[in-house]
Protein backbone atom coordinates (compact mmCIF):
# COMPACT_ATOMS: atom_id res chain seq x y z
CA MET A 1 -37.44 -87.64 -102.89
CA VAL A 2 -35.77 -84.40 -102.32
CA SER A 3 -31.99 -84.64 -102.96
CA GLU A 4 -30.94 -82.51 -99.71
CA VAL A 5 -32.47 -82.31 -96.15
CA LEU A 6 -31.05 -80.33 -93.29
CA LYS A 7 -32.20 -79.87 -89.77
CA ILE A 8 -31.09 -76.39 -88.71
CA GLU A 9 -31.27 -75.54 -84.83
CA THR A 10 -30.06 -71.90 -85.15
CA PRO A 11 -31.61 -69.30 -86.78
CA LYS A 12 -28.27 -67.78 -87.56
CA GLU A 13 -27.79 -69.70 -90.47
CA ASP A 14 -31.11 -68.69 -91.79
CA SER A 15 -30.88 -65.53 -94.91
CA HIS A 16 -33.42 -64.53 -97.14
CA ILE A 17 -33.30 -65.29 -100.69
CA SER A 18 -32.26 -62.19 -101.84
CA SER A 19 -28.75 -62.70 -99.38
CA LEU A 20 -28.79 -66.15 -100.71
CA LEU A 21 -28.40 -65.09 -104.52
CA LEU A 22 -26.02 -62.71 -103.89
CA LYS A 23 -23.57 -64.42 -101.34
CA THR A 24 -23.84 -67.52 -102.91
CA TYR A 25 -23.36 -66.48 -106.74
CA MET A 26 -21.45 -69.06 -108.71
CA VAL A 27 -21.36 -71.52 -105.69
CA HIS A 28 -24.71 -73.04 -105.44
CA PRO A 29 -26.09 -75.52 -107.64
CA LEU A 30 -29.21 -73.80 -108.06
CA CYS A 31 -27.43 -70.35 -109.73
CA GLU A 32 -25.92 -72.51 -112.27
CA ARG A 33 -29.70 -72.27 -113.76
CA LEU A 34 -30.77 -68.88 -112.90
CA LYS A 35 -26.92 -68.32 -115.11
CA ARG A 36 -28.42 -69.65 -118.00
CA PRO A 37 -28.70 -67.23 -120.64
CA GLU A 38 -32.12 -67.79 -121.76
CA ALA A 39 -33.08 -67.39 -118.06
CA LYS A 40 -34.73 -63.98 -117.84
CA SER A 41 -38.30 -64.28 -115.97
CA ALA A 42 -38.72 -64.41 -112.27
CA LEU A 43 -42.42 -64.65 -110.41
CA GLU A 44 -42.89 -63.70 -106.69
CA LEU A 45 -46.85 -65.17 -105.66
CA GLY A 46 -47.68 -62.83 -102.55
CA CYS A 47 -44.37 -60.76 -103.30
CA ARG A 48 -45.50 -57.71 -101.33
CA PHE A 49 -41.89 -56.31 -101.73
CA PRO A 50 -40.58 -58.48 -104.00
CA LEU A 51 -36.63 -58.88 -102.75
CA SER A 52 -35.72 -61.48 -105.31
CA PHE A 53 -35.68 -59.41 -108.41
CA PHE A 54 -32.97 -57.61 -107.54
CA PRO A 55 -30.23 -59.92 -107.13
CA LEU A 56 -31.59 -61.17 -110.00
CA PHE A 57 -31.34 -58.56 -112.21
CA HIS A 58 -27.97 -56.96 -111.03
CA ARG A 59 -26.34 -60.83 -110.96
CA PHE A 60 -28.13 -62.91 -113.34
CA ASP A 61 -28.93 -60.59 -115.67
CA PHE A 62 -32.81 -61.18 -115.57
CA THR A 63 -35.28 -58.52 -117.48
CA GLU A 64 -38.55 -59.49 -116.93
CA PHE A 65 -40.13 -59.29 -113.71
CA HIS A 66 -44.04 -60.76 -112.32
CA GLY A 67 -45.49 -60.33 -108.89
CA VAL A 68 -48.74 -60.72 -107.30
CA ASP A 69 -49.82 -59.73 -104.36
CA GLN A 70 -53.76 -59.12 -102.98
CA ASP A 71 -52.74 -55.91 -100.71
CA THR A 72 -52.70 -52.52 -102.51
CA LYS A 73 -49.40 -51.56 -103.20
CA GLU A 74 -49.09 -49.10 -100.40
CA GLN A 75 -50.78 -51.14 -98.08
CA ALA A 76 -47.88 -54.19 -99.31
CA MET A 77 -44.78 -52.39 -98.72
CA SER A 78 -46.06 -50.55 -95.26
CA LYS A 79 -46.22 -54.46 -93.78
CA PHE A 80 -43.63 -55.01 -95.85
CA LEU A 81 -41.19 -51.83 -94.08
CA ALA A 82 -42.98 -52.88 -90.77
CA GLN A 83 -41.28 -56.36 -90.41
CA ASN A 84 -38.04 -54.52 -91.92
CA LYS A 85 -37.20 -51.94 -89.51
CA ARG A 86 -33.41 -51.99 -90.11
CA LEU A 87 -34.23 -50.92 -93.83
CA GLN A 88 -34.33 -46.88 -93.99
CA ALA A 89 -36.27 -45.89 -96.69
CA ALA A 90 -36.42 -41.98 -97.33
CA ASP A 91 -40.22 -42.05 -97.98
CA PRO A 92 -41.23 -45.27 -97.25
CA GLN A 93 -44.04 -45.60 -99.96
CA ASN A 94 -41.49 -44.74 -102.51
CA PHE A 95 -40.71 -47.88 -104.65
CA TYR A 96 -37.58 -46.59 -105.31
CA GLU A 97 -36.43 -46.19 -102.17
CA ILE A 98 -36.98 -49.15 -100.94
CA TYR A 99 -34.72 -50.61 -103.21
CA ARG A 100 -31.82 -48.32 -102.13
CA SER A 101 -32.39 -49.40 -98.85
CA VAL A 102 -32.97 -53.29 -99.38
CA PHE A 103 -29.49 -53.41 -101.74
CA LYS A 104 -27.50 -51.60 -99.19
CA LYS A 105 -28.58 -54.18 -97.08
CA PHE A 106 -28.08 -57.13 -99.25
CA GLY A 107 -26.02 -56.23 -101.82
CA ALA A 108 -22.37 -56.30 -102.02
CA ASP A 109 -21.83 -52.62 -103.95
CA SER A 110 -22.04 -49.17 -101.97
CA GLN A 111 -24.98 -47.85 -104.21
CA PRO A 112 -27.54 -49.61 -106.26
CA VAL A 113 -26.93 -49.84 -110.05
CA LEU A 114 -29.96 -48.32 -111.06
CA GLN A 115 -29.67 -44.49 -110.36
CA ASP A 116 -32.60 -42.97 -111.95
CA GLN A 117 -36.15 -43.69 -110.43
CA GLN A 118 -37.65 -43.67 -114.23
CA ALA A 119 -35.35 -46.63 -115.28
CA PHE A 120 -36.05 -48.53 -112.10
CA GLU A 121 -39.92 -48.17 -112.45
CA ALA A 122 -40.28 -49.21 -116.13
CA LEU A 123 -38.14 -52.08 -115.49
CA PHE A 124 -39.92 -53.58 -112.03
CA GLU A 125 -43.05 -52.14 -111.47
CA PRO A 126 -45.18 -52.40 -115.01
CA LYS A 127 -45.89 -56.03 -114.19
CA LEU A 128 -46.60 -55.81 -110.36
CA ASN A 129 -49.95 -57.20 -110.01
CA TRP A 130 -51.17 -55.57 -106.20
CA GLU A 131 -55.41 -56.42 -105.18
CA THR A 132 -54.09 -59.53 -107.16
CA ASP A 133 -55.40 -63.11 -106.50
CA VAL A 134 -52.65 -65.20 -106.44
CA PHE A 135 -54.96 -68.54 -107.83
CA ASP A 136 -56.75 -66.44 -110.20
CA TYR A 137 -53.64 -64.62 -111.53
CA MET A 138 -51.97 -68.36 -112.18
CA LYS A 139 -55.25 -69.98 -113.64
CA ALA A 140 -55.60 -66.71 -116.25
CA LEU A 141 -51.84 -67.32 -117.47
CA PRO A 142 -51.31 -69.15 -120.95
CA ALA A 143 -50.13 -72.66 -120.94
CA ASP A 144 -47.22 -71.80 -122.42
CA LYS A 145 -46.33 -68.97 -120.54
CA LYS A 146 -42.95 -69.91 -118.07
CA PHE A 147 -40.70 -68.46 -115.88
CA ASP A 148 -37.58 -69.32 -114.90
CA PHE A 149 -37.34 -68.30 -111.26
CA ILE A 150 -40.86 -69.19 -109.10
CA SER A 151 -40.53 -67.71 -105.30
CA MET A 152 -43.55 -67.76 -103.05
CA ILE A 153 -41.71 -66.49 -99.70
CA ASN A 154 -44.44 -66.30 -97.32
CA LEU A 155 -47.14 -67.90 -99.20
CA LEU A 156 -48.69 -71.21 -98.69
CA HIS A 157 -49.17 -71.70 -94.65
CA LEU A 158 -51.71 -68.66 -94.84
CA LEU A 159 -54.11 -70.74 -97.04
CA PRO A 160 -56.78 -72.93 -95.56
CA ASN A 161 -55.13 -76.32 -95.51
CA VAL A 162 -52.91 -78.83 -97.69
CA ASP A 163 -54.98 -78.82 -100.77
CA LYS A 164 -55.02 -75.59 -101.29
CA MET A 165 -51.12 -75.33 -100.96
CA TRP A 166 -50.44 -78.37 -103.40
CA GLU A 167 -53.09 -76.63 -105.72
CA LEU A 168 -50.92 -73.68 -105.96
CA ILE A 169 -47.60 -75.36 -105.75
CA ASN A 170 -48.69 -77.33 -109.02
CA LEU A 171 -50.09 -74.29 -110.47
CA ALA A 172 -46.09 -72.91 -110.45
CA LEU A 173 -44.33 -75.88 -111.54
CA ASP A 174 -46.74 -75.85 -114.88
CA HIS A 175 -45.56 -72.60 -115.22
CA LEU A 176 -41.82 -73.22 -114.00
CA ALA A 177 -39.50 -73.33 -117.14
CA PRO A 178 -37.10 -76.71 -118.12
CA ASP A 179 -34.31 -75.95 -115.85
CA GLY A 180 -36.58 -72.86 -113.72
CA VAL A 181 -36.14 -72.58 -110.17
CA LEU A 182 -38.96 -72.86 -107.34
CA TYR A 183 -38.30 -71.38 -104.24
CA PHE A 184 -40.87 -71.88 -101.16
CA ARG A 185 -40.79 -71.32 -97.16
CA VAL A 186 -43.79 -72.09 -95.08
CA PHE A 187 -43.80 -71.48 -91.11
CA LYS A 188 -45.94 -73.43 -88.65
CA SER A 189 -49.69 -72.89 -88.70
CA LYS A 190 -53.02 -74.05 -87.52
CA ASN A 191 -53.56 -74.44 -90.68
CA TYR A 192 -52.41 -77.37 -91.49
CA ASN A 193 -49.34 -80.19 -89.86
CA ILE A 194 -46.21 -79.02 -90.36
CA ARG A 195 -44.25 -81.75 -90.63
CA GLU A 196 -46.82 -84.26 -92.09
CA PHE A 197 -46.76 -81.86 -94.98
CA LEU A 198 -42.91 -81.74 -95.25
CA ASP A 199 -43.23 -85.52 -95.61
CA GLN A 200 -45.20 -84.58 -98.07
CA VAL A 201 -42.51 -82.64 -100.33
CA GLN A 202 -40.12 -84.70 -99.53
CA GLU A 203 -42.04 -87.74 -101.17
CA ARG A 204 -44.19 -85.81 -103.84
CA LEU A 205 -40.93 -83.52 -104.95
CA ASP A 206 -38.11 -85.52 -106.66
CA LYS A 207 -34.81 -82.82 -106.74
CA GLY A 208 -33.82 -79.98 -104.92
CA SER A 209 -32.39 -78.97 -101.32
CA LEU A 210 -34.59 -78.48 -98.50
CA LEU A 211 -33.79 -76.96 -95.25
CA PHE A 212 -35.81 -77.29 -92.21
CA TYR A 213 -35.72 -74.56 -89.35
CA GLN A 214 -36.28 -75.15 -85.51
CA PRO A 215 -34.68 -71.84 -84.08
CA LYS A 216 -36.55 -71.96 -81.12
CA GLU A 217 -39.44 -73.68 -79.54
CA GLY A 218 -42.68 -73.00 -81.02
CA LEU A 219 -41.43 -71.64 -84.09
CA GLN A 220 -40.64 -74.18 -87.37
CA TYR A 221 -40.21 -73.26 -90.69
CA PHE A 222 -38.66 -74.80 -93.71
CA LYS A 223 -37.60 -73.70 -97.03
CA LEU A 224 -37.56 -75.38 -100.06
CA LEU A 225 -35.19 -75.02 -103.30
CA TYR A 226 -36.44 -77.08 -106.11
CA TYR A 227 -34.01 -76.81 -109.14
């Protein structure tokens, strides 16, 4: 069983995984896993704009970053900025400029560590797979390929049914390194019953912490940190 289940009624308690990793550095149990010297690789499925990469790089010294999204790079960044209007990028189609805006919002430093755009692109962009199906990507991975951090932030509830949701979760678990961290967030959807899926998560996953949110009538979602 998942070790901790919390019901939170106010959206003020919510935070993006990026903010969580920065604010709880050296405090939350998952951070002990991420601080391991051998913890270096991260994967975001349905990444759009992979926010979690930045604290993993800045705070936990990760060096290998993989992302998968079905959209083109331009579509993904446009959608991301449309949903995050408080982020002001000098050039909304420039991955590096968005990074600078994100870091100013979520980071503790006044300027991002990576001041050079070429260095940024060399680190983060080579392994971002645009216009790629997440199932095809996961099934094509070598069996021995493992990641220390895997996130599926806004992906599972878009799948057609619960069976496909569990198929992707199990694929992720197959490629999760020992002592790695799996993170996902799912919203209420017509494709599945969120309460039943919540019960299944508690029954099938044996560790981690789960947070359930009901900030207002009609909106329900939960997040799982599996570590």
